[in-house]
Amino acid sequence: MVRLLLVLAPAVVIVGSIGLSNVTRRFTKSIRLYFKESTKKNQKSINVVLCLVGLLIVVFMSMKYVVHSNYAGIEAYSSPSIILSSRSHTGNRVIIDDYREAYYWLRSNTAQDAKIMSWWDYGYQITGLSNRTVLVDNNTWNNTHIATVGLAMASNEDDAF
């Protein structure tokens, strides 16, 4: 999911910037028209005040979003863990301990010299928590090696073997 965020972030930034630019352009266009034309000043001054307030709200919300995003990123990525917690619909805390249990199962139920084939994301965790050798991990520089493991995982059992 983190990689998906990294891949899609530039596109979301571009689309968001276009939207912000359009909103800002509409507000500033109304303000410029007010200063160009001086007829119906009472009606125009109310529009200008509303446009200025709208522009300030857009700027404030944009700044607030940046601060919130930084805070959320700090909270999400400052303490990565294989034990996840969340809240149920009733508000009770739910602990998800599946990864740790799976790594314990690997350590307990596989031979000491077993080679584990997993997707490369989990390589370091399997090595560290299960004390088993993996075929690929996060430090595999050979992309064809990773691709071969991916092909084996996407194939049926006979072709993979």
Protein backbone atom coordinates (compact mmCIF):
# COMPACT_ATOMS: atom_id res chain seq x y z
CA MET A 1 0.00 0.00 0.00
CA VAL A 2 2.87 2.37 0.74
CA ARG A 3 4.26 1.82 -2.76
CA LEU A 4 0.84 2.54 -4.23
CA LEU A 5 0.80 5.84 -2.37
CA LEU A 6 4.24 6.68 -3.73
CA VAL A 7 3.25 5.81 -7.28
CA LEU A 8 -0.04 7.69 -7.25
CA ALA A 9 1.13 10.73 -5.25
CA PRO A 10 2.35 12.75 -8.28
CA ALA A 11 -0.93 12.26 -10.12
CA VAL A 12 -2.98 13.23 -7.06
CA VAL A 13 -0.82 16.31 -6.51
CA ILE A 14 -1.31 17.39 -10.13
CA VAL A 15 -5.09 16.90 -10.03
CA GLY A 16 -5.34 18.64 -6.65
CA SER A 17 -3.23 21.54 -7.90
CA ILE A 18 -5.49 21.98 -10.92
CA GLY A 19 -8.54 22.05 -8.64
CA LEU A 20 -6.95 24.55 -6.24
CA SER A 21 -5.83 26.69 -9.16
CA ASN A 22 -9.37 26.80 -10.59
CA VAL A 23 -10.91 27.75 -7.24
CA THR A 24 -8.28 30.43 -6.64
CA ARG A 25 -8.69 31.77 -10.18
CA ARG A 26 -12.45 32.18 -9.71
CA PHE A 27 -12.03 34.06 -6.45
CA THR A 28 -9.31 36.36 -7.78
CA LYS A 29 -11.26 36.98 -11.00
CA SER A 30 -14.17 38.36 -8.98
CA ILE A 31 -11.84 40.58 -6.98
CA ARG A 32 -10.17 41.93 -10.16
CA LEU A 33 -13.55 42.69 -11.71
CA TYR A 34 -14.48 44.69 -8.64
CA PHE A 35 -11.46 46.91 -8.93
CA LYS A 36 -11.97 47.40 -12.68
CA GLU A 37 -15.63 48.38 -12.48
CA SER A 38 -16.92 50.82 -9.92
CA THR A 39 -20.66 50.54 -10.70
CA LYS A 40 -23.00 49.07 -8.10
CA LYS A 41 -20.39 49.40 -5.37
CA ASN A 42 -22.55 48.05 -2.54
CA GLN A 43 -23.30 44.78 -4.33
CA LYS A 44 -19.73 44.47 -5.60
CA SER A 45 -18.16 45.11 -2.18
CA ILE A 46 -20.17 42.25 -0.67
CA ASN A 47 -18.98 39.96 -3.47
CA VAL A 48 -15.37 41.02 -2.92
CA VAL A 49 -15.60 40.37 0.81
CA LEU A 50 -17.09 36.94 0.15
CA CYS A 51 -14.39 36.16 -2.41
CA LEU A 52 -11.63 37.26 -0.04
CA VAL A 53 -13.11 35.14 2.74
CA GLY A 54 -13.38 32.19 0.35
CA LEU A 55 -9.78 32.66 -0.76
CA LEU A 56 -8.61 32.80 2.86
CA ILE A 57 -10.56 29.62 3.65
CA VAL A 58 -8.95 27.81 0.71
CA VAL A 59 -5.47 28.92 1.82
CA PHE A 60 -6.17 27.99 5.45
CA MET A 61 -7.56 24.55 4.54
CA SER A 62 -4.58 23.87 2.27
CA MET A 63 -2.15 24.73 5.04
CA LYS A 64 -4.13 22.68 7.55
CA TYR A 65 -4.07 19.69 5.19
CA VAL A 66 -0.27 19.89 4.87
CA VAL A 67 0.13 19.97 8.65
CA HIS A 68 -2.32 17.08 9.07
CA SER A 69 -0.58 15.01 6.39
CA ASN A 70 2.80 15.50 8.04
CA TYR A 71 1.39 14.50 11.42
CA ALA A 72 -0.37 11.43 9.99
CA GLY A 73 2.82 10.38 8.19
CA ILE A 74 4.88 10.76 11.34
CA GLU A 75 2.41 8.66 13.32
CA ALA A 76 2.06 5.96 10.66
CA TYR A 77 5.73 5.49 9.81
CA SER A 78 7.58 6.32 13.03
CA SER A 79 7.07 2.95 14.68
CA PRO A 80 6.53 0.19 12.14
CA SER A 81 5.41 -3.04 13.70
CA ILE A 82 4.29 -6.50 12.67
CA ILE A 83 1.65 -6.35 15.40
CA LEU A 84 -1.20 -4.14 14.22
CA SER A 85 -3.97 -2.62 16.30
CA SER A 86 -7.24 -1.06 15.30
CA ARG A 87 -10.67 -0.29 16.69
CA SER A 88 -13.78 -2.37 16.06
CA HIS A 89 -17.14 -0.82 15.21
CA THR A 90 -17.96 -0.82 18.93
CA GLY A 91 -14.76 1.05 19.81
CA ASN A 92 -12.94 -1.91 21.35
CA ARG A 93 -9.26 -2.30 20.58
CA VAL A 94 -8.43 -5.23 18.28
CA ILE A 95 -4.89 -6.62 18.12
CA ILE A 96 -3.89 -8.32 14.86
CA ASP A 97 -0.94 -10.62 15.58
CA ASP A 98 -1.03 -12.82 12.46
CA TYR A 99 2.45 -12.00 11.14
CA ARG A 100 4.22 -12.79 14.41
CA GLU A 101 2.27 -16.04 14.76
CA ALA A 102 3.14 -17.03 11.17
CA TYR A 103 6.84 -16.36 11.72
CA TYR A 104 6.74 -18.39 14.96
CA TRP A 105 5.04 -21.22 13.06
CA LEU A 106 7.80 -21.15 10.41
CA ARG A 107 10.51 -21.33 13.08
CA SER A 108 8.74 -24.18 14.91
CA ASN A 109 7.58 -26.30 11.95
CA THR A 110 10.35 -26.07 9.34
CA ALA A 111 13.81 -27.59 9.26
CA GLN A 112 16.73 -25.46 10.47
CA ASP A 113 18.26 -25.46 6.97
CA ALA A 114 14.96 -24.80 5.13
CA LYS A 115 14.87 -22.22 2.35
CA ILE A 116 11.73 -20.09 2.36
CA MET A 117 10.31 -18.67 -0.85
CA SER A 118 8.24 -15.58 -0.19
CA TRP A 119 7.71 -12.28 -1.86
CA TRP A 120 10.72 -10.05 -1.26
CA ASP A 121 8.86 -7.66 1.07
CA TYR A 122 8.82 -10.26 3.84
CA GLY A 123 12.38 -11.52 3.41
CA TYR A 124 14.04 -9.62 6.24
CA GLN A 125 11.20 -10.34 8.65
CA ILE A 126 11.34 -14.08 7.91
CA THR A 127 15.11 -14.10 8.33
CA GLY A 128 15.02 -12.10 11.55
CA LEU A 129 11.96 -13.55 13.27
CA SER A 130 11.93 -17.13 11.95
CA ASN A 131 15.69 -17.62 11.68
CA ARG A 132 15.31 -19.16 8.21
CA THR A 133 17.04 -18.46 4.90
CA VAL A 134 14.93 -16.79 2.20
CA LEU A 135 15.37 -16.80 -1.57
CA VAL A 136 14.73 -13.06 -1.99
CA ASP A 137 14.59 -10.15 0.44
CA ASN A 138 14.64 -6.35 0.38
CA ASN A 139 18.33 -6.35 -0.48
CA THR A 140 18.07 -8.49 -3.63
CA TRP A 141 19.64 -6.45 -6.40
CA ASN A 142 19.06 -9.00 -9.14
CA ASN A 143 15.68 -8.06 -10.60
CA THR A 144 15.50 -11.22 -12.70
CA HIS A 145 15.82 -13.26 -9.50
CA ILE A 146 12.84 -11.40 -8.01
CA ALA A 147 10.94 -11.79 -11.29
CA THR A 148 11.62 -15.54 -11.32
CA VAL A 149 10.24 -15.90 -7.79
CA GLY A 150 7.20 -13.80 -8.79
CA LEU A 151 6.65 -15.98 -11.86
CA ALA A 152 6.84 -19.13 -9.75
CA MET A 153 4.28 -17.72 -7.32
CA ALA A 154 1.92 -16.75 -10.14
CA SER A 155 2.20 -20.13 -11.87
CA ASN A 156 0.43 -23.36 -11.06
CA GLU A 157 2.24 -25.77 -8.74
CA ASP A 158 3.80 -28.04 -11.40
CA ASP A 159 5.13 -25.13 -13.50
CA ALA A 160 6.40 -23.33 -10.41
CA PHE A 161 8.35 -26.37 -9.24
